Every structure is written in C-alpha cells, then in structure tokens.
Protein backbone atom coordinates (compact mmCIF):
# COMPACT_ATOMS: atom_id res chain seq x y z
CA MET A 1 104.09 85.43 88.39
CA PRO A 2 103.34 85.14 84.67
CA HIS A 3 105.53 86.89 82.12
CA GLY A 4 104.36 90.36 81.22
CA PHE A 5 102.40 91.26 84.34
CA MET A 6 104.04 91.88 87.67
CA GLY A 7 106.91 89.57 86.71
CA TRP A 8 109.10 92.63 86.40
CA LYS A 9 111.24 91.03 83.70
CA SER A 10 113.26 93.27 81.42
CA SER A 11 110.47 93.34 78.84
CA TRP A 12 108.16 94.94 81.40
CA SER A 13 109.99 98.22 80.95
CA CYS A 14 108.13 98.40 77.63
CA HIS A 15 104.83 98.31 79.52
CA ALA A 16 105.14 102.01 80.30
CA PHE A 17 105.98 105.31 78.71
CA THR A 18 109.69 105.52 77.81
CA SER A 19 111.66 108.74 78.25
CA ALA A 20 111.91 109.15 74.50
CA CYS A 21 108.21 108.77 73.80
CA LEU A 22 107.38 111.11 76.70
CA ALA A 23 109.50 114.03 75.60
CA ALA A 24 106.87 115.67 73.41
CA THR A 25 104.04 114.97 75.83
CA LEU A 26 105.77 116.31 78.91
CA SER A 27 106.59 119.57 77.17
CA ALA A 28 102.84 120.22 76.99
CA CYS A 29 102.12 119.26 80.59
CA ALA A 30 102.49 121.24 83.79
CA PRO A 31 105.43 120.23 86.04
CA GLU A 32 104.38 122.84 88.61
CA PRO A 33 101.05 123.59 90.29
CA PRO A 34 98.64 124.98 87.70
CA ALA A 35 97.65 128.59 88.30
CA ASP A 36 94.05 128.06 87.21
CA ILE A 37 92.10 124.91 87.99
CA GLU A 38 88.53 124.41 86.91
CA LEU A 39 86.66 123.41 90.06
CA GLY A 40 83.02 122.47 89.78
CA THR A 41 80.25 123.53 92.15
CA PHE A 42 78.17 120.60 93.36
CA ASP A 43 74.45 120.74 94.15
CA TYR A 44 74.20 119.13 97.59
CA THR A 45 70.40 119.51 97.73
CA ASN A 46 69.63 115.83 97.13
CA ALA A 47 72.91 114.37 98.41
CA ASP A 48 71.70 111.95 101.05
CA TRP A 49 75.24 111.09 102.12
CA PRO A 50 76.61 109.83 105.45
CA SER A 51 78.27 112.44 107.60
CA CYS A 52 81.66 112.86 109.20
CA ARG A 53 82.00 113.83 112.82
CA ALA A 54 82.02 117.61 113.09
CA ASP A 55 85.49 119.14 112.60
CA SER A 56 87.08 115.68 112.25
CA ARG A 57 88.65 116.32 108.83
CA SER A 58 91.08 119.21 108.36
CA GLY A 59 92.02 118.77 104.69
CA PRO A 60 92.01 122.13 102.88
CA SER A 61 89.55 122.92 100.14
CA PRO A 62 89.09 123.36 97.28
CA ARG A 63 92.70 122.46 96.41
CA SER A 64 95.83 121.12 98.00
CA ASP A 65 98.91 120.75 95.80
CA ASP A 66 101.56 119.12 97.97
CA GLU A 67 100.18 116.47 100.27
CA ALA A 68 103.16 114.26 101.19
CA PHE A 69 102.22 110.59 101.13
CA ASP A 70 105.77 109.34 101.65
CA ALA A 71 109.31 110.43 100.81
CA ALA A 72 108.83 109.45 97.16
CA THR A 73 105.23 110.44 96.48
CA LYS A 74 103.11 113.55 96.70
CA ILE A 75 99.40 113.99 96.01
CA SER A 76 97.22 116.84 94.79
CA VAL A 77 93.66 116.87 96.12
CA ARG A 78 90.73 118.78 94.61
CA THR A 79 87.25 119.16 96.08
CA PRO A 80 84.08 120.80 94.83
CA ALA A 81 84.40 124.60 94.99
CA ASN A 82 81.64 124.63 97.62
CA TYR A 83 82.95 121.57 99.50
CA ASP A 84 80.90 120.52 102.53
CA SER A 85 83.36 118.92 104.95
CA SER A 86 80.54 117.38 107.01
CA LEU A 87 79.43 114.96 104.25
CA GLN A 88 81.19 111.83 103.03
CA HIS A 89 82.17 112.32 99.38
CA PRO A 90 82.97 109.75 96.74
CA LEU A 91 86.67 109.78 95.87
CA ILE A 92 88.47 109.29 92.53
CA ILE A 93 92.18 108.47 92.57
CA VAL A 94 94.05 109.14 89.32
CA TYR A 95 97.32 107.18 89.05
CA ALA A 96 99.90 108.71 86.71
CA PRO A 97 101.69 107.49 83.60
CA ALA A 98 105.37 106.69 84.09
CA THR A 99 107.50 109.77 84.89
CA PHE A 100 104.45 112.06 85.25
CA ASN A 101 104.14 114.00 88.45
CA ARG A 102 100.71 114.83 89.85
CA PHE A 103 100.46 118.15 88.01
CA ALA A 104 101.34 116.65 84.63
CA SER A 105 98.82 113.88 85.26
CA GLU A 106 96.08 116.38 86.11
CA ALA A 107 96.77 118.36 82.93
CA HIS A 108 96.87 115.13 80.90
CA ALA A 109 93.58 113.73 82.19
CA GLY A 110 91.58 116.94 82.58
CA LEU A 111 89.11 115.28 84.94
CA THR A 112 89.06 117.87 87.72
CA GLY A 113 86.21 120.11 86.63
CA ILE A 114 83.75 117.42 85.63
CA ALA A 115 84.51 115.25 88.68
CA THR A 116 84.18 118.02 91.27
CA ALA A 117 80.98 119.29 89.64
CA ALA A 118 79.57 115.79 90.18
CA GLY A 119 80.47 115.91 93.89
CA PHE A 120 83.66 113.84 93.82
CA ILE A 121 86.87 114.59 95.61
CA ILE A 122 89.62 113.81 93.09
CA ALA A 123 93.30 113.18 93.81
CA TYR A 124 96.29 112.96 91.48
CA VAL A 125 99.34 110.92 92.50
CA ASP A 126 102.99 111.21 91.46
CA SER A 127 104.13 108.23 89.40
CA ARG A 128 106.25 105.53 90.97
CA ARG A 129 108.49 102.94 89.35
CA LEU A 130 106.25 99.90 89.28
CA SER A 131 106.80 96.93 91.55
CA LEU A 132 104.51 94.87 93.73
CA ASN A 133 105.65 96.80 96.79
CA ALA A 134 105.06 100.13 95.06
CA ILE A 135 101.54 99.09 94.07
CA ARG A 136 100.72 98.01 97.62
CA GLU A 137 102.00 101.35 98.90
CA LEU A 138 99.98 103.27 96.30
CA ALA A 139 96.91 101.33 97.41
CA ASN A 140 97.19 103.03 100.82
CA ILE A 141 96.62 106.49 99.36
CA PRO A 142 92.78 106.45 99.64
CA ALA A 143 93.02 105.83 103.39
CA ALA A 144 95.52 108.65 103.76
CA ILE A 145 93.15 111.03 101.97
CA ALA A 146 90.19 109.83 104.05
CA ASN A 147 92.14 110.78 107.19
CA ARG A 148 92.15 114.42 106.04
CA TRP A 149 88.99 114.81 103.96
CA CYS A 150 85.44 113.58 104.45
CA VAL A 151 85.40 110.49 102.19
CA ASN A 152 82.90 107.68 101.81
CA GLN A 153 85.29 104.74 101.97
CA SER A 154 82.78 102.45 100.28
CA ARG A 155 82.80 104.73 97.22
CA ILE A 156 86.44 104.91 96.14
CA TYR A 157 87.11 104.77 92.41
CA LEU A 158 90.39 104.27 90.56
CA THR A 159 91.53 105.35 87.13
CA GLY A 160 94.82 106.20 85.41
CA HIS A 161 96.62 105.96 82.09
CA SER A 162 99.35 103.53 80.96
CA ASP A 163 101.30 102.76 84.17
CA GLY A 164 98.46 104.49 86.02
CA GLY A 165 95.91 102.21 84.39
CA THR A 166 98.06 99.23 85.32
CA VAL A 167 98.11 100.36 88.97
CA ALA A 168 94.32 100.89 89.07
CA ASN A 169 93.76 97.43 87.60
CA ALA A 170 96.29 95.73 89.88
CA ILE A 171 94.82 97.18 93.08
CA ALA A 172 91.42 95.85 92.01
CA PHE A 173 92.40 92.22 91.55
CA LEU A 174 95.65 91.40 93.38
CA PRO A 175 95.22 89.70 96.77
CA ASP A 176 96.35 91.32 100.01
CA MET A 177 95.62 94.87 98.91
CA PRO A 178 94.61 97.21 101.77
CA PHE A 179 91.22 98.01 100.22
CA ARG A 180 88.88 97.16 97.35
CA PRO A 181 87.77 99.94 95.01
CA ARG A 182 84.08 100.30 94.22
CA ALA A 183 84.88 100.41 90.49
CA ILE A 184 87.82 101.02 88.15
CA ALA A 185 88.37 102.66 84.76
CA PRO A 186 91.89 101.73 83.57
CA SER A 187 93.11 103.44 80.40
CA ALA A 188 95.87 102.08 78.12
CA ALA A 189 96.98 99.65 80.83
CA GLY A 190 100.04 97.53 80.08
CA VAL A 191 98.27 94.27 80.89
CA ARG A 192 97.35 91.46 78.52
CA GLY A 193 94.66 88.87 79.01
CA GLU A 194 97.29 86.14 79.17
CA ASP A 195 98.97 88.02 82.02
CA MET A 196 95.77 87.66 84.05
CA HIS A 197 94.82 84.07 83.31
CA ASP A 198 96.75 82.50 86.20
CA HIS A 199 95.22 84.87 88.74
CA ALA A 200 92.08 84.14 90.71
CA CYS A 201 89.10 86.36 90.08
CA PRO A 202 88.25 88.89 92.78
CA ALA A 203 84.66 89.45 93.78
CA PRO A 204 82.72 91.00 90.88
CA MET A 205 83.10 94.74 90.45
CA PRO A 206 82.19 97.32 87.81
CA VAL A 207 84.99 97.80 85.26
CA PHE A 208 85.21 100.30 82.41
CA THR A 209 88.23 99.60 80.19
CA LEU A 210 89.51 102.31 77.84
CA GLN A 211 91.84 101.83 74.92
CA ASN A 212 93.01 103.92 71.95
CA ALA A 213 92.61 102.59 68.43
CA ASP A 214 96.15 103.49 67.34
CA ASP A 215 97.96 102.35 70.49
CA GLN A 216 101.08 100.71 69.08
CA LEU A 217 102.65 100.05 72.49
CA PHE A 218 99.78 97.96 73.88
CA PRO A 219 97.69 97.07 70.81
CA ASN A 220 94.31 95.62 71.81
CA PHE A 221 95.45 95.00 75.39
CA GLY A 222 92.28 96.71 76.58
CA ARG A 223 89.99 94.19 74.91
CA GLU A 224 91.94 91.27 76.37
CA LEU A 225 91.83 92.83 79.84
CA SER A 226 88.12 93.60 79.51
CA ASP A 227 87.36 90.03 78.45
CA TRP A 228 89.12 88.76 81.59
CA TRP A 229 87.06 91.02 83.83
CA ALA A 230 83.89 90.03 81.97
CA GLY A 231 84.62 86.41 82.81
CA CYS A 232 85.14 87.28 86.47
CA ASN A 233 81.93 89.31 86.44
CA GLN A 234 80.05 86.32 85.01
CA CYS A 235 79.03 88.24 81.89
CA SER A 236 78.03 86.73 78.60
CA ALA A 237 80.22 87.19 75.54
CA PRO A 238 80.73 88.85 73.18
CA PRO A 239 80.01 92.44 74.24
CA SER A 240 77.20 94.26 72.48
CA SER A 241 77.65 97.69 70.90
CA ILE A 242 75.91 100.48 72.81
CA GLU A 243 77.24 103.33 70.64
CA PRO A 244 80.08 103.74 68.14
CA GLY A 245 83.31 102.59 69.79
CA CYS A 246 81.69 101.37 73.01
CA ALA A 247 80.38 97.96 73.98
CA SER A 248 78.77 96.48 77.07
CA TYR A 249 79.00 92.85 78.16
CA PRO A 250 75.50 91.39 78.71
CA ASP A 251 74.13 89.43 81.65
CA CYS A 252 76.85 90.37 84.15
CA THR A 253 76.25 89.53 87.76
CA ALA A 254 74.39 92.21 89.71
CA ALA A 255 76.23 95.51 90.22
CA ALA A 256 79.17 94.52 88.00
CA GLU A 257 78.64 96.55 84.83
CA THR A 258 81.46 95.79 82.39
CA LEU A 259 82.23 98.16 79.51
CA ILE A 260 84.95 98.72 76.94
CA CYS A 261 85.36 101.78 74.72
CA THR A 262 87.89 102.45 71.98
CA TYR A 263 88.82 106.04 71.13
CA PRO A 264 90.91 107.66 68.39
CA GLY A 265 94.56 108.30 69.13
CA GLY A 266 97.82 106.63 70.06
CA HIS A 267 99.18 105.34 73.33
CA ARG A 268 100.10 108.66 74.90
CA GLN A 269 96.69 110.25 74.42
CA TRP A 270 94.17 110.39 77.26
CA PRO A 271 90.88 109.21 75.68
CA ASP A 272 88.04 111.67 75.16
CA ALA A 273 85.91 109.92 77.76
CA ASN A 274 85.77 112.07 80.88
CA ARG A 275 81.99 112.44 80.95
CA ARG A 276 81.57 108.69 80.43
CA ILE A 277 84.10 107.88 83.19
CA VAL A 278 82.36 110.10 85.75
CA ASP A 279 78.90 108.87 84.72
CA PHE A 280 80.11 105.27 85.07
CA PHE A 281 81.43 105.92 88.57
CA GLU A 282 78.20 107.68 89.54
CA ARG A 283 76.12 104.69 88.40
CA THR A 284 78.08 102.32 90.62
CA ARG A 285 77.40 104.01 93.94
C-alpha cells in the first residue's frame, strides 16, 4: 500500500487527532448519553418508500444509545420522532474522530435534528484504532442496523470527521468491502491525492468533500481527495464555483455529483455544513 494511506506506517498516527490536540475538544463533548436530543418529525405524506415486512424490525425509536456492534464498538441510533417502522428509511452513518465515542461524535457533528427531520435514520459509531481490518469491520455496521430498523439498503450514506472521514472514504473505494454506500461526505479526512493514485477507481458515486481553511494537520488534503474522486467520476476539471467556498466539478458521469466546500476553522472543527450534507444525500436517492 502507498505511504500515507492504509500503509499504517508510524507517520500515519499523525493522520488523526492526537490526545494532546483533543483535550480541549473532548472537554466540550458529551462522554455519556445526552439528556436532550433534537429529533425531527418527518412528513411521510409523499414518501413513496418500499416497505418492510410487518413487525420484522424491532429496533427502538426514536433513540437507542447502546447498541453493541462488537466487544469494542457501540452505536447510537436515532430515528425521526414519528418513526414509521413499516417503511424503508435512508440511513446515515457518522464515523467518529479518533478517541471520540458515539456521544462525543453526535455532539461534535450536530446532525441529528436536521437528518431525522428529513426522514433519515442516523447512527453514530464509537471510534476504532484504524487498520484495514477495523475498516472492514466498521463497514458491516449498516447491515447490523438494517437487521433492527427498517432501512433502505440502497440508500446508505457515510460521513465522519478526521479518522471518521477517512473511514467513510475508505469504505467507498477499497475493494472487498461488504457494501457500497450510495454517497459519501468525508470531512477533514487524513488522505492525500497521492495516497489514492495507485488504487483503482470504484464505480462512480456522488462525493461531497469537506475541508477547513485553517486545517494545519491535513492542509488542502480535501482538494486532493476531491480531485481524485472527480477523475473517477469522469468529471471535467477544474471545479466551478457555485457559491463562496463551494465548487462543483462539471460534466461528471450521470448520478455522480462531485462537490468540494471549504469552511472557516481548524482541523478539529466540524464544518458548518449540515444542511448542505443532508441536502446532498437527499439529491442522490
């Protein structure tokens, strides 16, 4: 494997939050289940979605804090406040920055309210020390959730920040993964363009890459990663500005929208992009 991505050389420990740089952030995040969670109410009136067999999914709603995926990993699952267990919902998986548990990741991203109001089930996953085996195991989480909740398995979306962005990106392009996401939105991923060059392109898919302008840990990694995906998606270059900070690659192959947005802030900051992330996932149904 090339240096810097999945090679797991000593330098790869820099492609994540370190304990020192996390100290201030973690103090502001929730290590325990949050008492109050903003859960949206979804309008099912025009939701022409496939159905699940009656009473075939027993996952609790609207929240479950301690779903055990394996001995090392737990998951929190959130549904719309008025969840209809008979209809197959789109699913967003949020992979965590290094050392974040699922509750800290939920507080960091703040996606729950906007995602559930749009009809998504959203799940937050404890962080794992990255390795190829860990990533393959984390890629099995959507199927585990679909065994308990009514999920449309053709509409599974991945996002995450730093290590979490790296996981979302890796599941989308590495071979021999247990499933293919419908679209991804990696944020502050520790992946350079040169790390991807020796890898074969997967089938085209929608990709929304997020980066922060003052990210000193992974400076401009997002643009390099986005350029790689644009090549795989057969887009033209360079991307064209669609609004301040955001650009879209033109002429991509059908159903493979490719975007990159840059937001204020440093590496640790979740970008102010939640509405854009959810809108992007909704467009790629």
